[in-house]
């Protein structure tokens, strides 16, 4: 009986030591929790590049030139900014009557979400939130291209919001081509020229547009 009791006590102590050791080992394991921004295998980088946007402006096709850049977190989230501009001041009508031209520029914060960025072809969702300036100039006709007076008839600040969806191609590890489409929402524009022949409002520069960009930079 004494021998059996001794064996029982030794077995119990061995089991206790084993359970304690297993618990200590388990306490060092990662709990496996998923988080919005992963803490393991973290990567980051940046990019910058030229941008072209094409869409209807003031009843005709307008081309915006600009640039954007951003910091890429874990090849998923982009925090950046961009600026773009348009003018039709070279498109004189040659008319002998007073006419107007416009200039519009804007810039601001840009947030982008990259979907499966490691794939050669993948999608991105982009949102631009910013402010801009819209100006109406007058020029007088007389000659093939007219004489630009450069007088500002109307100028205002405006709010700009642009959501866009893009397709992106990884050409090289540091070069990507992005093409897509979006919609420009503009508020704050309201003007009719003195002759009453031209009216400008938010719809003058709001609307659908196509966009193309080259991203230079590793991430």
Protein backbone atom coordinates (compact mmCIF):
# COMPACT_ATOMS: atom_id res chain seq x y z
CA UNK A 1 0.00 0.00 0.00
CA UNK A 2 2.82 2.41 0.89
CA UNK A 3 4.51 1.71 -2.48
CA UNK A 4 1.26 2.33 -4.34
CA UNK A 5 0.75 5.59 -2.45
CA UNK A 6 4.28 6.73 -3.26
CA UNK A 7 3.81 5.95 -6.98
CA UNK A 8 0.52 7.85 -6.96
CA UNK A 9 2.14 10.93 -5.41
CA UNK A 10 5.07 10.84 -7.89
CA UNK A 11 2.65 10.48 -10.83
CA UNK A 12 0.61 13.43 -9.58
CA UNK A 13 3.73 15.62 -9.24
CA UNK A 14 4.90 14.69 -12.75
CA UNK A 15 1.49 15.53 -14.19
CA UNK A 16 1.46 18.88 -12.35
CA UNK A 17 4.92 19.79 -13.68
CA UNK A 18 3.87 18.83 -17.24
CA UNK A 19 0.69 20.93 -17.09
CA UNK A 20 2.59 23.91 -15.66
CA UNK A 21 5.23 23.68 -18.38
CA UNK A 22 2.57 23.43 -21.11
CA UNK A 23 0.75 26.45 -19.70
CA UNK A 24 3.96 28.49 -19.70
CA UNK A 25 4.64 27.52 -23.31
CA UNK A 26 1.09 28.41 -24.34
CA UNK A 27 1.38 31.81 -22.68
CA UNK A 28 4.23 32.74 -25.06
CA UNK A 29 2.17 32.01 -28.18
CA UNK A 30 0.59 34.79 -30.23
CA UNK A 31 -3.13 34.88 -29.59
CA UNK A 32 -3.95 34.97 -33.33
CA UNK A 33 -6.12 38.10 -33.11
CA UNK A 34 -6.82 39.78 -36.46
CA UNK A 35 -6.44 43.55 -36.51
CA UNK A 36 -7.26 46.28 -39.02
CA UNK A 37 -3.56 47.05 -39.55
CA UNK A 38 -1.46 43.86 -39.24
CA UNK A 39 1.52 44.08 -36.86
CA UNK A 40 3.47 41.25 -38.45
CA UNK A 41 5.34 41.39 -41.77
CA UNK A 42 4.78 45.14 -41.88
CA UNK A 43 5.80 46.95 -45.07
CA UNK A 44 5.67 50.56 -46.16
CA UNK A 45 6.86 52.77 -48.97
CA UNK A 46 5.89 55.69 -51.14
CA UNK A 47 5.21 56.84 -54.67
CA UNK A 48 4.68 59.93 -56.78
CA UNK A 49 3.86 60.65 -60.37
CA UNK A 50 2.01 62.62 -63.05
CA UNK A 51 -1.75 62.42 -63.54
CA UNK A 52 -4.04 63.26 -66.47
CA UNK A 53 -7.82 63.55 -66.10
CA UNK A 54 -10.16 63.93 -69.08
CA UNK A 55 -13.83 64.80 -68.95
CA UNK A 56 -16.53 67.33 -69.86
CA UNK A 57 -15.85 70.89 -68.69
CA UNK A 58 -18.10 73.82 -69.58
CA UNK A 59 -19.75 71.91 -72.40
CA UNK A 60 -16.57 70.63 -74.02
CA UNK A 61 -13.84 68.07 -73.32
CA UNK A 62 -11.33 69.33 -70.79
CA UNK A 63 -7.94 67.94 -69.81
CA UNK A 64 -6.61 68.35 -66.26
CA UNK A 65 -2.89 68.00 -65.61
CA UNK A 66 -1.49 67.35 -62.17
CA UNK A 67 0.43 65.06 -59.87
CA UNK A 68 -0.15 63.00 -56.77
CA UNK A 69 1.88 61.10 -54.22
CA UNK A 70 1.35 59.03 -51.13
CA UNK A 71 2.69 56.83 -48.37
CA UNK A 72 1.65 53.18 -48.66
CA UNK A 73 1.02 51.17 -45.50
CA UNK A 74 1.37 47.41 -45.82
CA UNK A 75 0.52 47.57 -49.57
CA UNK A 76 -3.08 48.23 -48.59
CA UNK A 77 -3.73 51.78 -47.40
CA UNK A 78 -2.46 54.98 -49.02
CA UNK A 79 -2.33 58.34 -47.29
CA UNK A 80 -1.38 61.12 -49.68
CA UNK A 81 -2.37 64.17 -51.64
CA UNK A 82 -2.65 65.59 -55.13
CA UNK A 83 -3.18 68.76 -57.10
CA UNK A 84 -4.71 69.36 -60.56
CA UNK A 85 -5.42 72.26 -62.88
CA UNK A 86 -7.35 73.21 -66.01
CA UNK A 87 -7.67 76.31 -68.16
CA UNK A 88 -9.27 77.10 -71.51
CA UNK A 89 -7.53 80.46 -71.79
CA UNK A 90 -5.87 79.37 -75.04
CA UNK A 91 -9.18 78.52 -76.68
CA UNK A 92 -10.18 81.93 -77.98
CA UNK A 93 -13.20 82.10 -80.24
CA UNK A 94 -12.00 84.92 -82.49
CA UNK A 95 -15.29 86.69 -81.96
CA UNK A 96 -15.48 90.50 -82.00
CA UNK A 97 -17.71 90.47 -78.91
CA UNK A 98 -16.74 90.03 -75.30
CA UNK A 99 -16.18 86.45 -74.35
CA UNK A 100 -14.97 84.62 -71.26
CA UNK A 101 -12.49 81.92 -70.34
CA UNK A 102 -12.09 79.92 -67.15
CA UNK A 103 -9.31 78.55 -64.98
CA UNK A 104 -9.89 75.91 -62.32
CA UNK A 105 -7.43 74.29 -59.96
CA UNK A 106 -7.79 72.16 -56.85
CA UNK A 107 -5.88 69.94 -54.45
CA UNK A 108 -6.19 68.13 -51.17
CA UNK A 109 -6.08 64.90 -49.20
CA UNK A 110 -6.26 61.57 -51.02
CA UNK A 111 -7.09 58.24 -49.41
CA UNK A 112 -6.69 55.04 -51.42
CA UNK A 113 -7.37 51.38 -50.73
CA UNK A 114 -5.36 48.81 -52.72
CA UNK A 115 -7.08 45.49 -53.34
CA UNK A 116 -4.61 42.57 -53.57
CA UNK A 117 -1.75 44.87 -54.56
CA UNK A 118 0.71 41.98 -55.00
CA UNK A 119 -1.17 40.76 -58.09
CA UNK A 120 0.07 42.00 -61.45
CA UNK A 121 -3.35 43.52 -62.17
CA UNK A 122 -5.42 44.71 -59.25
CA UNK A 123 -8.01 47.31 -58.30
CA UNK A 124 -7.88 50.44 -56.17
CA UNK A 125 -10.53 52.70 -54.66
CA UNK A 126 -9.58 56.36 -54.30
CA UNK A 127 -11.19 59.37 -52.63
CA UNK A 128 -9.99 62.97 -53.04
CA UNK A 129 -11.21 65.55 -50.52
CA UNK A 130 -10.01 69.09 -51.05
CA UNK A 131 -10.54 72.69 -52.05
CA UNK A 132 -10.00 74.69 -55.19
CA UNK A 133 -10.34 77.99 -56.95
CA UNK A 134 -12.49 78.86 -59.96
CA UNK A 135 -11.89 82.04 -61.99
CA UNK A 136 -13.65 83.59 -64.98
CA UNK A 137 -11.55 85.86 -67.21
CA UNK A 138 -12.62 88.13 -70.01
CA UNK A 139 -10.95 88.71 -73.34
CA UNK A 140 -11.90 90.89 -76.26
CA UNK A 141 -11.97 89.69 -79.83
CA UNK A 142 -10.12 91.18 -82.75
CA UNK A 143 -7.77 88.93 -84.63
CA UNK A 144 -7.48 85.25 -85.15
CA UNK A 145 -7.07 84.39 -81.46
CA UNK A 146 -8.46 87.49 -79.81
CA UNK A 147 -6.69 89.77 -77.34
CA UNK A 148 -6.52 88.43 -73.82
CA UNK A 149 -7.31 91.17 -71.30
CA UNK A 150 -6.51 88.98 -68.30
CA UNK A 151 -9.15 90.71 -66.20
CA UNK A 152 -10.77 88.55 -63.57
CA UNK A 153 -14.54 88.92 -63.76
CA UNK A 154 -15.31 86.36 -61.07
CA UNK A 155 -13.27 84.30 -58.64
CA UNK A 156 -14.35 81.98 -55.86
CA UNK A 157 -13.14 79.20 -53.62
CA UNK A 158 -14.92 75.87 -53.86
CA UNK A 159 -15.08 72.43 -52.28
CA UNK A 160 -14.12 69.36 -54.32
CA UNK A 161 -14.85 65.68 -53.67
CA UNK A 162 -13.80 62.95 -56.11
CA UNK A 163 -14.40 59.23 -55.67
CA UNK A 164 -12.73 57.00 -58.27
CA UNK A 165 -12.22 53.32 -59.06
CA UNK A 166 -9.03 52.26 -60.86
CA UNK A 167 -7.26 49.28 -62.36
CA UNK A 168 -3.54 49.13 -61.66
CA UNK A 169 -0.76 47.16 -63.38
CA UNK A 170 2.54 46.35 -61.65
CA UNK A 171 5.00 46.92 -64.52
CA UNK A 172 8.08 46.83 -62.27
CA UNK A 173 8.51 46.76 -58.51
CA UNK A 174 8.89 50.54 -58.62
CA UNK A 175 6.64 51.41 -61.61
CA UNK A 176 2.87 51.04 -61.90
CA UNK A 177 0.30 52.17 -64.46
CA UNK A 178 -3.13 53.21 -63.20
CA UNK A 179 -6.23 53.87 -65.31
CA UNK A 180 -9.76 54.41 -64.09
CA UNK A 181 -12.81 56.61 -63.83
CA UNK A 182 -14.42 58.82 -61.25
CA UNK A 183 -16.88 61.60 -60.60
CA UNK A 184 -16.03 65.16 -59.58
CA UNK A 185 -18.42 66.90 -57.17
CA UNK A 186 -17.85 70.67 -56.89
CA UNK A 187 -19.77 73.18 -54.78
CA UNK A 188 -19.43 76.95 -54.44
CA UNK A 189 -19.66 78.24 -58.04
CA UNK A 190 -22.44 80.60 -59.13
CA UNK A 191 -21.89 83.36 -61.71
CA UNK A 192 -23.54 84.91 -64.78
CA UNK A 193 -21.51 87.36 -66.87
CA UNK A 194 -22.82 90.95 -67.26
CA UNK A 195 -24.17 90.38 -70.76
CA UNK A 196 -26.15 87.38 -69.51
CA UNK A 197 -24.77 85.22 -72.30
CA UNK A 198 -22.73 82.89 -70.09
CA UNK A 199 -23.54 81.23 -66.81
CA UNK A 200 -21.18 79.24 -64.63
CA UNK A 201 -22.21 76.99 -61.76
CA UNK A 202 -21.13 73.76 -60.04
CA UNK A 203 -22.03 71.69 -63.10
CA UNK A 204 -19.47 73.62 -65.19
CA UNK A 205 -16.60 71.59 -63.75
CA UNK A 206 -18.47 68.67 -62.11
CA UNK A 207 -19.03 65.35 -63.83
CA UNK A 208 -17.57 62.02 -64.88
CA UNK A 209 -13.91 61.81 -65.87
CA UNK A 210 -11.30 59.29 -66.95
CA UNK A 211 -7.90 59.25 -65.29
CA UNK A 212 -4.45 57.88 -66.04
CA UNK A 213 -1.34 57.90 -63.86
CA UNK A 214 2.18 56.56 -63.58
CA UNK A 215 3.29 55.70 -60.04
CA UNK A 216 7.05 55.88 -59.44
CA UNK A 217 8.31 54.38 -56.21
CA UNK A 218 8.70 51.04 -54.41
CA UNK A 219 6.19 49.85 -51.84
